[in-house]
Amino acid sequence: MIDLHMHSTCSDGQNKPEKLVEIAAAAGITTMALTDHDTINGLERASARASQLGIDFISGIEIGSQGGRELHILGYGVDCNDKGLKSFYEDNRIHRITRRDKFIELLNKLGIEITAEYIADVNDGKSTGRPHIARALVNLGYAESVDEAFKKYLQTPEFYSYDRPKPYYSISIEMIRNAGGVAVLAHPYTLGLDDMEFRLLLKKLVMSGLCGIECYYSRHTPEQIEYYRNIADEYGLIFTCGSDYHGPDVKPNILLGRGYKDSLIKANVPEYEIIERLKEKIG
C-alpha cells in the first residue's frame, strides 16, 4: 500500500514525524511521502524512522500557491537540506507568527482567553497554524471538535483577512525543481474548474514545469479519478496517490493509505506504476 500525501506536527498534522511513520507502518504502508505544508523540517526525522521500519520513504513538501485561485503544489524527491526551501520556510514562519498573534487578538475580543503559550503547550511546541489554534479552542471547551472550531471561529471573513502571502505557482514549482524535486498538482477537484478552465490552467502549470497530477485522492469520486487520469495521459504527466492524512482530530474518516471511507482502496490504485514513474522523474 502507498500513500504520498500526509502531514505531521511540523505543519498542521496531529502526529510527530516519527509517530506518523509508525502509524503508516501499522497501516501496512510500504511507500510513503511526508508532505508538510511549506516546510521540510520533519523530513530527516521521518526518513530515519522509515528506514528503521523498512518503509520506502520519499521526501516531500506541499506549497500553498496563488495563480488566480489558491493552488497546492506537491514536491517529491526534494533535498531535505535545500537552502531555498529552508529560507522559504523561515519567511513563512515569521508570517505565521504575525498572523497567529492577530488571530489571538480577535479571539480575545470575542471573550476567549487564549494565549500563544497555551496554544504551544497543547500542540507540542507548535502554535502558528489554524489547526493548532483550533485544537487549543477544543481543549478550552469553546468547541467540541477541530472542525467545529474552524467553522465557528477560524473561517470567518475577519480571520481570512489576515491570510499570509503565498508565492505564485511558477515560483513554487521553481523552488521544488531547484531542490531536485518533481512538482505535482494536489487535489485538483478543490479548484472547482470546468474542463476548459482546468485545461487552460494546466497548460500554464506544465509550461512552468509541472510534472504530474494527484489523480487518486481521498475526496475524488471515481468519475473524477478517471477524468484526471485521462488528462494526465493526454498531457504526458505522471499521476500520484495520496490520502491527505492529518490525523483523526483534524480530518476525521481519512485513513493512511485508505483515504476517505476507503475511497483509495475502492479505486484499485495502480501503485507499482505510480511509484516507478515518479522515481523515474525524480531520477
C-alpha atoms as a PDB file:
ATOM      1  CA  MET A   1       0.000   0.000   0.000  1.00  0.00           C
ATOM      2  CA  ILE A   2       1.279   3.509  -0.820  1.00  0.00           C
ATOM      3  CA  ASP A   3       0.431   6.995   0.429  1.00  0.00           C
ATOM      4  CA  LEU A   4       2.183  10.056  -0.970  1.00  0.00           C
ATOM      5  CA  HIS A   5       0.304  12.837   0.835  1.00  0.00           C
ATOM      6  CA  MET A   6       0.289  13.219   4.621  1.00  0.00           C
ATOM      7  CA  HIS A   7       1.060  15.800   7.300  1.00  0.00           C
ATOM      8  CA  SER A   8       2.827  15.867  10.654  1.00  0.00           C
ATOM      9  CA  THR A   9       3.033  18.340  13.527  1.00  0.00           C
ATOM     10  CA  CYS A  10       5.691  20.177  11.527  1.00  0.00           C
ATOM     11  CA  SER A  11       2.735  21.748   9.712  1.00  0.00           C
ATOM     12  CA  ASP A  12      -0.872  21.017  10.624  1.00  0.00           C
ATOM     13  CA  GLY A  13      -0.942  17.290  11.284  1.00  0.00           C
ATOM     14  CA  GLN A  14      -1.742  15.587  14.563  1.00  0.00           C
ATOM     15  CA  ASN A  15       1.326  13.361  14.935  1.00  0.00           C
ATOM     16  CA  LYS A  16       5.065  13.980  15.121  1.00  0.00           C
ATOM     17  CA  PRO A  17       7.011  12.801  12.042  1.00  0.00           C
ATOM     18  CA  GLU A  18       8.345   9.665  13.764  1.00  0.00           C
ATOM     19  CA  LYS A  19       4.925   8.718  15.126  1.00  0.00           C
ATOM     20  CA  LEU A  20       3.334   9.303  11.733  1.00  0.00           C
ATOM     21  CA  VAL A  21       5.742   6.804  10.185  1.00  0.00           C
ATOM     22  CA  GLU A  22       4.887   4.284  12.898  1.00  0.00           C
ATOM     23  CA  ILE A  23       1.176   4.726  12.163  1.00  0.00           C
ATOM     24  CA  ALA A  24       1.921   4.236   8.460  1.00  0.00           C
ATOM     25  CA  ALA A  25       3.821   1.030   9.171  1.00  0.00           C
ATOM     26  CA  ALA A  26       0.965  -0.300  11.308  1.00  0.00           C
ATOM     27  CA  ALA A  27      -1.467   0.514   8.482  1.00  0.00           C
ATOM     28  CA  GLY A  28       0.557  -1.548   6.008  1.00  0.00           C
ATOM     29  CA  ILE A  29       2.103   1.335   4.082  1.00  0.00           C
ATOM     30  CA  THR A  30       5.162   0.226   2.111  1.00  0.00           C
ATOM     31  CA  THR A  31       5.967   3.518   0.348  1.00  0.00           C
ATOM     32  CA  MET A  32       5.163   6.918   1.844  1.00  0.00           C
ATOM     33  CA  ALA A  33       5.882  10.612   1.410  1.00  0.00           C
ATOM     34  CA  LEU A  34       5.689  13.255   4.110  1.00  0.00           C
ATOM     35  CA  THR A  35       4.326  16.434   2.511  1.00  0.00           C
ATOM     36  CA  ASP A  36       4.026  19.047   5.245  1.00  0.00           C
ATOM     37  CA  HIS A  37       2.745  22.478   4.293  1.00  0.00           C
ATOM     38  CA  ASP A  38       5.548  24.864   3.315  1.00  0.00           C
ATOM     39  CA  THR A  39       8.271  23.085   5.311  1.00  0.00           C
ATOM     40  CA  ILE A  40      10.842  20.300   5.026  1.00  0.00           C
ATOM     41  CA  ASN A  41      11.662  20.351   8.740  1.00  0.00           C
ATOM     42  CA  GLY A  42      10.279  16.886   9.507  1.00  0.00           C
ATOM     43  CA  LEU A  43      11.774  15.006   6.577  1.00  0.00           C
ATOM     44  CA  GLU A  44      15.027  13.807   8.120  1.00  0.00           C
ATOM     45  CA  ARG A  45      13.264  12.545  11.254  1.00  0.00           C
ATOM     46  CA  ALA A  46      10.591  10.754   9.242  1.00  0.00           C
ATOM     47  CA  SER A  47      13.126   9.296   6.817  1.00  0.00           C
ATOM     48  CA  ALA A  48      15.249   7.896   9.647  1.00  0.00           C
ATOM     49  CA  ARG A  49      12.255   6.199  11.287  1.00  0.00           C
ATOM     50  CA  ALA A  50      11.023   4.877   7.939  1.00  0.00           C
ATOM     51  CA  SER A  51      14.427   3.291   7.340  1.00  0.00           C
ATOM     52  CA  GLN A  52      14.245   1.575  10.725  1.00  0.00           C
ATOM     53  CA  LEU A  53      10.781   0.187   9.924  1.00  0.00           C
ATOM     54  CA  GLY A  54      11.565  -0.861   6.353  1.00  0.00           C
ATOM     55  CA  ILE A  55       9.322   1.701   4.654  1.00  0.00           C
ATOM     56  CA  ASP A  56      10.366   3.212   1.322  1.00  0.00           C
ATOM     57  CA  PHE A  57      10.423   6.959   2.051  1.00  0.00           C
ATOM     58  CA  ILE A  58      10.077   9.812  -0.465  1.00  0.00           C
ATOM     59  CA  SER A  59      10.833  13.308   0.787  1.00  0.00           C
ATOM     60  CA  GLY A  60       8.095  15.811   0.040  1.00  0.00           C
ATOM     61  CA  ILE A  61       6.506  19.191   0.626  1.00  0.00           C
ATOM     62  CA  GLU A  62       3.164  20.865  -0.159  1.00  0.00           C
ATOM     63  CA  ILE A  63       3.414  24.532  -1.089  1.00  0.00           C
ATOM     64  CA  GLY A  64       0.345  26.745  -0.876  1.00  0.00           C
ATOM     65  CA  SER A  65       0.406  28.898  -4.004  1.00  0.00           C
ATOM     66  CA  GLN A  66      -1.564  31.500  -5.897  1.00  0.00           C
ATOM     67  CA  GLY A  67      -2.455  31.957  -9.530  1.00  0.00           C
ATOM     68  CA  GLY A  68      -5.966  33.244  -9.999  1.00  0.00           C
ATOM     69  CA  ARG A  69      -7.071  30.934  -7.173  1.00  0.00           C
ATOM     70  CA  GLU A  70      -5.389  29.017  -4.370  1.00  0.00           C
ATOM     71  CA  LEU A  71      -3.319  26.108  -5.658  1.00  0.00           C
ATOM     72  CA  HIS A  72      -1.402  23.465  -3.736  1.00  0.00           C
ATOM     73  CA  ILE A  73       1.757  22.152  -5.359  1.00  0.00           C
ATOM     74  CA  LEU A  74       3.285  18.923  -4.070  1.00  0.00           C
ATOM     75  CA  GLY A  75       7.037  18.438  -4.401  1.00  0.00           C
ATOM     76  CA  TYR A  76       8.543  14.940  -4.381  1.00  0.00           C
ATOM     77  CA  GLY A  77      12.184  13.953  -4.028  1.00  0.00           C
ATOM     78  CA  VAL A  78      13.239  17.350  -2.675  1.00  0.00           C
ATOM     79  CA  ASP A  79      16.557  17.737  -0.859  1.00  0.00           C
ATOM     80  CA  CYS A  80      15.957  17.650   2.913  1.00  0.00           C
ATOM     81  CA  ASN A  81      18.606  20.354   3.362  1.00  0.00           C
ATOM     82  CA  ASP A  82      17.781  22.614   0.430  1.00  0.00           C
ATOM     83  CA  LYS A  83      18.647  26.207   1.350  1.00  0.00           C
ATOM     84  CA  GLY A  84      15.916  27.690  -0.838  1.00  0.00           C
ATOM     85  CA  LEU A  85      13.128  25.698   0.809  1.00  0.00           C
ATOM     86  CA  LYS A  86      14.574  26.349   4.266  1.00  0.00           C
ATOM     87  CA  SER A  87      14.634  30.092   3.576  1.00  0.00           C
ATOM     88  CA  PHE A  88      11.065  29.879   2.267  1.00  0.00           C
ATOM     89  CA  TYR A  89      10.008  28.134   5.477  1.00  0.00           C
ATOM     90  CA  GLU A  90      11.683  30.736   7.671  1.00  0.00           C
ATOM     91  CA  ASP A  91       9.882  33.578   5.876  1.00  0.00           C
ATOM     92  CA  ASN A  92       6.599  31.695   6.311  1.00  0.00           C
ATOM     93  CA  ARG A  93       7.324  31.046   9.971  1.00  0.00           C
ATOM     94  CA  ILE A  94       7.591  34.788  10.619  1.00  0.00           C
ATOM     95  CA  HIS A  95       4.377  35.478   8.683  1.00  0.00           C
ATOM     96  CA  ARG A  96       2.565  32.708  10.583  1.00  0.00           C
ATOM     97  CA  ILE A  97       3.614  34.119  13.946  1.00  0.00           C
ATOM     98  CA  THR A  98       2.308  37.553  12.983  1.00  0.00           C
ATOM     99  CA  ARG A  99      -0.943  36.009  11.766  1.00  0.00           C
ATOM    100  CA  ARG A 100      -1.278  33.878  14.904  1.00  0.00           C
ATOM    101  CA  ASP A 101      -0.979  36.959  17.088  1.00  0.00           C
ATOM    102  CA  LYS A 102      -3.718  38.669  15.056  1.00  0.00           C
ATOM    103  CA  PHE A 103      -5.942  35.601  15.499  1.00  0.00           C
ATOM    104  CA  ILE A 104      -5.355  35.628  19.245  1.00  0.00           C
ATOM    105  CA  GLU A 105      -6.262  39.305  19.348  1.00  0.00           C
ATOM    106  CA  LEU A 106      -9.528  38.615  17.504  1.00  0.00           C
ATOM    107  CA  LEU A 107     -10.368  35.698  19.788  1.00  0.00           C
ATOM    108  CA  ASN A 108      -9.613  37.791  22.879  1.00  0.00           C
ATOM    109  CA  LYS A 109     -12.073  40.417  21.610  1.00  0.00           C
ATOM    110  CA  LEU A 110     -14.688  37.645  21.466  1.00  0.00           C
ATOM    111  CA  GLY A 111     -14.070  36.979  25.149  1.00  0.00           C
ATOM    112  CA  ILE A 112     -11.938  33.880  24.606  1.00  0.00           C
ATOM    113  CA  GLU A 113      -8.988  33.772  26.962  1.00  0.00           C
ATOM    114  CA  ILE A 114      -6.247  32.174  24.895  1.00  0.00           C
ATOM    115  CA  THR A 115      -2.505  32.840  24.623  1.00  0.00           C
ATOM    116  CA  ALA A 116       0.336  31.816  22.310  1.00  0.00           C
ATOM    117  CA  GLU A 117       1.922  29.935  25.203  1.00  0.00           C
ATOM    118  CA  TYR A 118      -1.225  27.892  25.790  1.00  0.00           C
ATOM    119  CA  ILE A 119      -1.554  27.060  22.079  1.00  0.00           C
ATOM    120  CA  ALA A 120       2.060  25.872  22.041  1.00  0.00           C
ATOM    121  CA  ASP A 121       1.540  23.715  25.158  1.00  0.00           C
ATOM    122  CA  VAL A 122      -1.424  21.959  23.578  1.00  0.00           C
ATOM    123  CA  ASN A 123       0.474  21.340  20.320  1.00  0.00           C
ATOM    124  CA  ASP A 124       3.897  20.104  21.459  1.00  0.00           C
ATOM    125  CA  GLY A 125       5.500  23.488  20.937  1.00  0.00           C
ATOM    126  CA  LYS A 126       3.760  24.282  17.632  1.00  0.00           C
ATOM    127  CA  SER A 127       1.420  27.255  17.692  1.00  0.00           C
ATOM    128  CA  THR A 128       1.395  29.101  14.389  1.00  0.00           C
ATOM    129  CA  GLY A 129      -1.296  27.464  12.255  1.00  0.00           C
ATOM    130  CA  ARG A 130      -5.096  27.473  12.280  1.00  0.00           C
ATOM    131  CA  PRO A 131      -5.271  23.766  13.266  1.00  0.00           C
ATOM    132  CA  HIS A 132      -3.040  24.449  16.264  1.00  0.00           C
ATOM    133  CA  ILE A 133      -5.351  27.231  17.410  1.00  0.00           C
ATOM    134  CA  ALA A 134      -8.392  25.040  16.730  1.00  0.00           C
ATOM    135  CA  ARG A 135      -7.026  22.264  18.946  1.00  0.00           C
ATOM    136  CA  ALA A 136      -6.442  24.793  21.727  1.00  0.00           C
ATOM    137  CA  LEU A 137     -10.039  26.033  21.393  1.00  0.00           C
ATOM    138  CA  VAL A 138     -11.283  22.461  21.723  1.00  0.00           C
ATOM    139  CA  ASN A 139      -9.081  21.935  24.760  1.00  0.00           C
ATOM    140  CA  LEU A 140     -10.513  25.075  26.361  1.00  0.00           C
ATOM    141  CA  GLY A 141     -14.071  23.889  25.729  1.00  0.00           C
ATOM    142  CA  TYR A 142     -15.039  26.502  23.136  1.00  0.00           C
ATOM    143  CA  ALA A 143     -15.708  23.793  20.526  1.00  0.00           C
ATOM    144  CA  GLU A 144     -16.311  20.065  20.554  1.00  0.00           C
ATOM    145  CA  SER A 145     -14.054  19.317  17.599  1.00  0.00           C
ATOM    146  CA  VAL A 146     -11.361  20.884  15.426  1.00  0.00           C
ATOM    147  CA  ASP A 147     -13.875  21.055  12.588  1.00  0.00           C
ATOM    148  CA  GLU A 148     -16.364  22.940  14.775  1.00  0.00           C
ATOM    149  CA  ALA A 149     -13.627  25.322  15.945  1.00  0.00           C
ATOM    150  CA  PHE A 150     -12.833  26.149  12.331  1.00  0.00           C
ATOM    151  CA  LYS A 151     -16.439  26.746  11.350  1.00  0.00           C
ATOM    152  CA  LYS A 152     -17.287  28.695  14.486  1.00  0.00           C
ATOM    153  CA  TYR A 153     -14.192  30.874  14.811  1.00  0.00           C
ATOM    154  CA  LEU A 154     -11.472  30.459  12.183  1.00  0.00           C
ATOM    155  CA  GLN A 155     -13.319  30.584   8.857  1.00  0.00           C
ATOM    156  CA  THR A 156     -14.932  33.993   9.183  1.00  0.00           C
ATOM    157  CA  PRO A 157     -14.082  36.828   6.750  1.00  0.00           C
ATOM    158  CA  GLU A 158     -12.347  38.650   9.593  1.00  0.00           C
ATOM    159  CA  PHE A 159      -9.911  35.792  10.102  1.00  0.00           C
ATOM    160  CA  TYR A 160      -9.319  35.267   6.390  1.00  0.00           C
ATOM    161  CA  SER A 161      -8.407  38.953   6.038  1.00  0.00           C
ATOM    162  CA  TYR A 162      -5.133  38.093   7.806  1.00  0.00           C
ATOM    163  CA  ASP A 163      -4.177  35.266   5.466  1.00  0.00           C
ATOM    164  CA  ARG A 164      -0.450  35.026   4.799  1.00  0.00           C
ATOM    165  CA  PRO A 165       1.052  35.824   1.368  1.00  0.00           C
ATOM    166  CA  LYS A 166       1.585  32.841  -0.939  1.00  0.00           C
ATOM    167  CA  PRO A 167       4.049  32.513  -3.834  1.00  0.00           C
ATOM    168  CA  TYR A 168       2.829  32.425  -7.418  1.00  0.00           C
ATOM    169  CA  TYR A 169       2.628  28.831  -8.673  1.00  0.00           C
ATOM    170  CA  SER A 170       5.550  29.278 -11.061  1.00  0.00           C
ATOM    171  CA  ILE A 171       7.755  30.284  -8.122  1.00  0.00           C
ATOM    172  CA  SER A 172       6.595  27.255  -6.108  1.00  0.00           C
ATOM    173  CA  ILE A 173       7.379  24.904  -8.980  1.00  0.00           C
ATOM    174  CA  GLU A 174      10.758  26.561  -9.476  1.00  0.00           C
ATOM    175  CA  MET A 175      11.621  26.129  -5.768  1.00  0.00           C
ATOM    176  CA  ILE A 176      10.729  22.428  -5.972  1.00  0.00           C
ATOM    177  CA  ARG A 177      12.788  21.910  -9.125  1.00  0.00           C
ATOM    178  CA  ASN A 178      15.752  23.800  -7.671  1.00  0.00           C
ATOM    179  CA  ALA A 179      15.573  21.457  -4.670  1.00  0.00           C
ATOM    180  CA  GLY A 180      15.866  18.467  -7.005  1.00  0.00           C
ATOM    181  CA  GLY A 181      12.186  17.625  -6.824  1.00  0.00           C
ATOM    182  CA  VAL A 182       9.212  16.877  -9.052  1.00  0.00           C
ATOM    183  CA  ALA A 183       6.140  19.154  -8.950  1.00  0.00           C
ATOM    184  CA  VAL A 184       2.617  17.678  -8.833  1.00  0.00           C
ATOM    185  CA  LEU A 185      -0.755  19.446  -8.623  1.00  0.00           C
ATOM    186  CA  ALA A 186      -2.528  18.411  -5.397  1.00  0.00           C
ATOM    187  CA  HIS A 187      -6.246  17.525  -5.101  1.00  0.00           C
ATOM    188  CA  PRO A 188      -7.385  19.255  -8.322  1.00  0.00           C
ATOM    189  CA  TYR A 189     -11.091  18.774  -7.540  1.00  0.00           C
ATOM    190  CA  THR A 190     -10.828  21.550  -4.915  1.00  0.00           C
ATOM    191  CA  LEU A 191     -10.282  24.080  -7.702  1.00  0.00           C
ATOM    192  CA  GLY A 192     -13.883  23.695  -8.858  1.00  0.00           C
ATOM    193  CA  LEU A 193     -12.978  24.234 -12.521  1.00  0.00           C
ATOM    194  CA  ASP A 194     -14.849  23.008 -15.567  1.00  0.00           C
ATOM    195  CA  ASP A 195     -12.962  21.134 -18.290  1.00  0.00           C
ATOM    196  CA  MET A 196     -11.964  24.187 -20.320  1.00  0.00           C
ATOM    197  CA  GLU A 197     -10.866  26.168 -17.265  1.00  0.00           C
ATOM    198  CA  PHE A 198      -8.844  23.270 -15.912  1.00  0.00           C
ATOM    199  CA  ARG A 199      -7.090  22.686 -19.228  1.00  0.00           C
ATOM    200  CA  LEU A 200      -6.176  26.367 -19.516  1.00  0.00           C
ATOM    201  CA  LEU A 201      -4.689  26.346 -16.032  1.00  0.00           C
ATOM    202  CA  LEU A 202      -2.936  23.034 -16.551  1.00  0.00           C
ATOM    203  CA  LYS A 203      -1.216  24.289 -19.710  1.00  0.00           C
ATOM    204  CA  LYS A 204       0.228  27.195 -17.724  1.00  0.00           C
ATOM    205  CA  LEU A 205       1.338  24.884 -14.926  1.00  0.00           C
ATOM    206  CA  VAL A 206       3.013  22.483 -17.352  1.00  0.00           C
ATOM    207  CA  MET A 207       4.808  25.372 -19.055  1.00  0.00           C
ATOM    208  CA  SER A 208       6.128  26.325 -15.606  1.00  0.00           C
ATOM    209  CA  GLY A 209       7.475  22.816 -15.047  1.00  0.00           C
ATOM    210  CA  LEU A 210       4.615  20.810 -13.507  1.00  0.00           C
ATOM    211  CA  CYS A 211       5.184  17.062 -13.942  1.00  0.00           C
ATOM    212  CA  GLY A 212       2.049  15.448 -12.565  1.00  0.00           C
ATOM    213  CA  ILE A 213      -1.461  15.425 -11.099  1.00  0.00           C
ATOM    214  CA  GLU A 214      -2.664  13.868  -7.853  1.00  0.00           C
ATOM    215  CA  CYS A 215      -5.371  11.838  -9.574  1.00  0.00           C
ATOM    216  CA  TYR A 216      -6.016   9.384  -6.745  1.00  0.00           C
ATOM    217  CA  TYR A 217      -7.110  11.480  -3.788  1.00  0.00           C
ATOM    218  CA  SER A 218      -9.318  10.799  -0.762  1.00  0.00           C
ATOM    219  CA  ARG A 219     -12.178  13.040  -1.871  1.00  0.00           C
ATOM    220  CA  HIS A 220     -12.085  12.315  -5.604  1.00  0.00           C
ATOM    221  CA  THR A 221     -15.070  10.432  -6.962  1.00  0.00           C
ATOM    222  CA  PRO A 222     -14.473   7.504  -9.351  1.00  0.00           C
ATOM    223  CA  GLU A 223     -15.543   9.806 -12.184  1.00  0.00           C
ATOM    224  CA  GLN A 224     -13.046  12.482 -11.137  1.00  0.00           C
ATOM    225  CA  ILE A 225     -10.255   9.933 -10.871  1.00  0.00           C
ATOM    226  CA  GLU A 226     -10.969   8.745 -14.403  1.00  0.00           C
ATOM    227  CA  TYR A 227     -11.142  12.328 -15.687  1.00  0.00           C
ATOM    228  CA  TYR A 228      -7.827  13.391 -14.138  1.00  0.00           C
ATOM    229  CA  ARG A 229      -6.146  10.152 -15.241  1.00  0.00           C
ATOM    230  CA  ASN A 230      -7.210  10.802 -18.823  1.00  0.00           C
ATOM    231  CA  ILE A 231      -5.999  14.399 -18.618  1.00  0.00           C
ATOM    232  CA  ALA A 232      -2.641  13.267 -17.175  1.00  0.00           C
ATOM    233  CA  ASP A 233      -2.188  10.768 -20.003  1.00  0.00           C
ATOM    234  CA  GLU A 234      -3.182  13.357 -22.601  1.00  0.00           C
ATOM    235  CA  TYR A 235      -0.617  15.869 -21.322  1.00  0.00           C
ATOM    236  CA  GLY A 236       2.126  13.298 -20.726  1.00  0.00           C
ATOM    237  CA  LEU A 237       2.035  13.778 -16.960  1.00  0.00           C
ATOM    238  CA  ILE A 238       2.592  11.296 -14.152  1.00  0.00           C
ATOM    239  CA  PHE A 239      -0.194  10.678 -11.642  1.00  0.00           C
ATOM    240  CA  THR A 240       0.096  10.164  -7.895  1.00  0.00           C
ATOM    241  CA  CYS A 241      -1.955   8.931  -4.953  1.00  0.00           C
ATOM    242  CA  GLY A 242      -2.432  10.458  -1.513  1.00  0.00           C
ATOM    243  CA  SER A 243      -4.864  10.362   1.378  1.00  0.00           C
ATOM    244  CA  ASP A 244      -4.029  13.842   2.746  1.00  0.00           C
ATOM    245  CA  TYR A 245      -3.918  12.311   6.213  1.00  0.00           C
ATOM    246  CA  HIS A 246      -3.712  14.783   9.112  1.00  0.00           C
ATOM    247  CA  GLY A 247      -4.960  12.633  11.975  1.00  0.00           C
ATOM    248  CA  PRO A 248      -8.477  11.847  13.260  1.00  0.00           C
ATOM    249  CA  ASP A 249      -8.722  15.053  15.299  1.00  0.00           C
ATOM    250  CA  VAL A 250      -8.067  17.181  12.198  1.00  0.00           C
ATOM    251  CA  LYS A 251      -9.590  15.231   9.299  1.00  0.00           C
ATOM    252  CA  PRO A 252     -11.932  12.520  10.620  1.00  0.00           C
ATOM    253  CA  ASN A 253     -12.655   9.493   8.422  1.00  0.00           C
ATOM    254  CA  ILE A 254      -9.418   9.800   6.408  1.00  0.00           C
ATOM    255  CA  LEU A 255      -7.074   6.865   6.996  1.00  0.00           C
ATOM    256  CA  LEU A 256      -3.497   6.447   5.811  1.00  0.00           C
ATOM    257  CA  GLY A 257      -3.392   4.618   2.502  1.00  0.00           C
ATOM    258  CA  ARG A 258      -7.141   4.064   2.554  1.00  0.00           C
ATOM    259  CA  GLY A 259      -8.458   7.594   2.084  1.00  0.00           C
ATOM    260  CA  TYR A 260     -11.930   8.843   2.960  1.00  0.00           C
ATOM    261  CA  LYS A 261     -14.151   5.903   3.836  1.00  0.00           C
ATOM    262  CA  ASP A 262     -11.784   3.548   1.949  1.00  0.00           C
ATOM    263  CA  SER A 263     -12.045   5.575  -1.266  1.00  0.00           C
ATOM    264  CA  LEU A 264      -8.473   4.734  -2.314  1.00  0.00           C
ATOM    265  CA  ILE A 265      -8.943   1.030  -1.616  1.00  0.00           C
ATOM    266  CA  LYS A 266     -12.047   1.011  -3.801  1.00  0.00           C
ATOM    267  CA  ALA A 267     -10.188   2.859  -6.568  1.00  0.00           C
ATOM    268  CA  ASN A 268      -7.740  -0.013  -7.172  1.00  0.00           C
ATOM    269  CA  VAL A 269      -4.745   2.309  -7.247  1.00  0.00           C
ATOM    270  CA  PRO A 270      -2.010   1.196  -9.711  1.00  0.00           C
ATOM    271  CA  GLU A 271       0.647   1.505  -7.028  1.00  0.00           C
ATOM    272  CA  TYR A 272       3.604  -0.016  -8.884  1.00  0.00           C
ATOM    273  CA  GLU A 273       3.111   2.228 -11.918  1.00  0.00           C
ATOM    274  CA  ILE A 274       2.785   5.341  -9.753  1.00  0.00           C
ATOM    275  CA  ILE A 275       5.990   4.683  -7.812  1.00  0.00           C
ATOM    276  CA  GLU A 276       8.024   3.606 -10.844  1.00  0.00           C
ATOM    277  CA  ARG A 277       7.053   6.644 -12.912  1.00  0.00           C
ATOM    278  CA  LEU A 278       7.552   9.042 -10.003  1.00  0.00           C
ATOM    279  CA  LYS A 279      11.009   7.675  -9.177  1.00  0.00           C
ATOM    280  CA  GLU A 280      11.937   7.815 -12.844  1.00  0.00           C
ATOM    281  CA  LYS A 281      11.067  11.530 -12.846  1.00  0.00           C
ATOM    282  CA  ILE A 282      12.951  12.135  -9.598  1.00  0.00           C
ATOM    283  CA  GLY A 283      15.961  10.370 -11.060  1.00  0.00           C
END
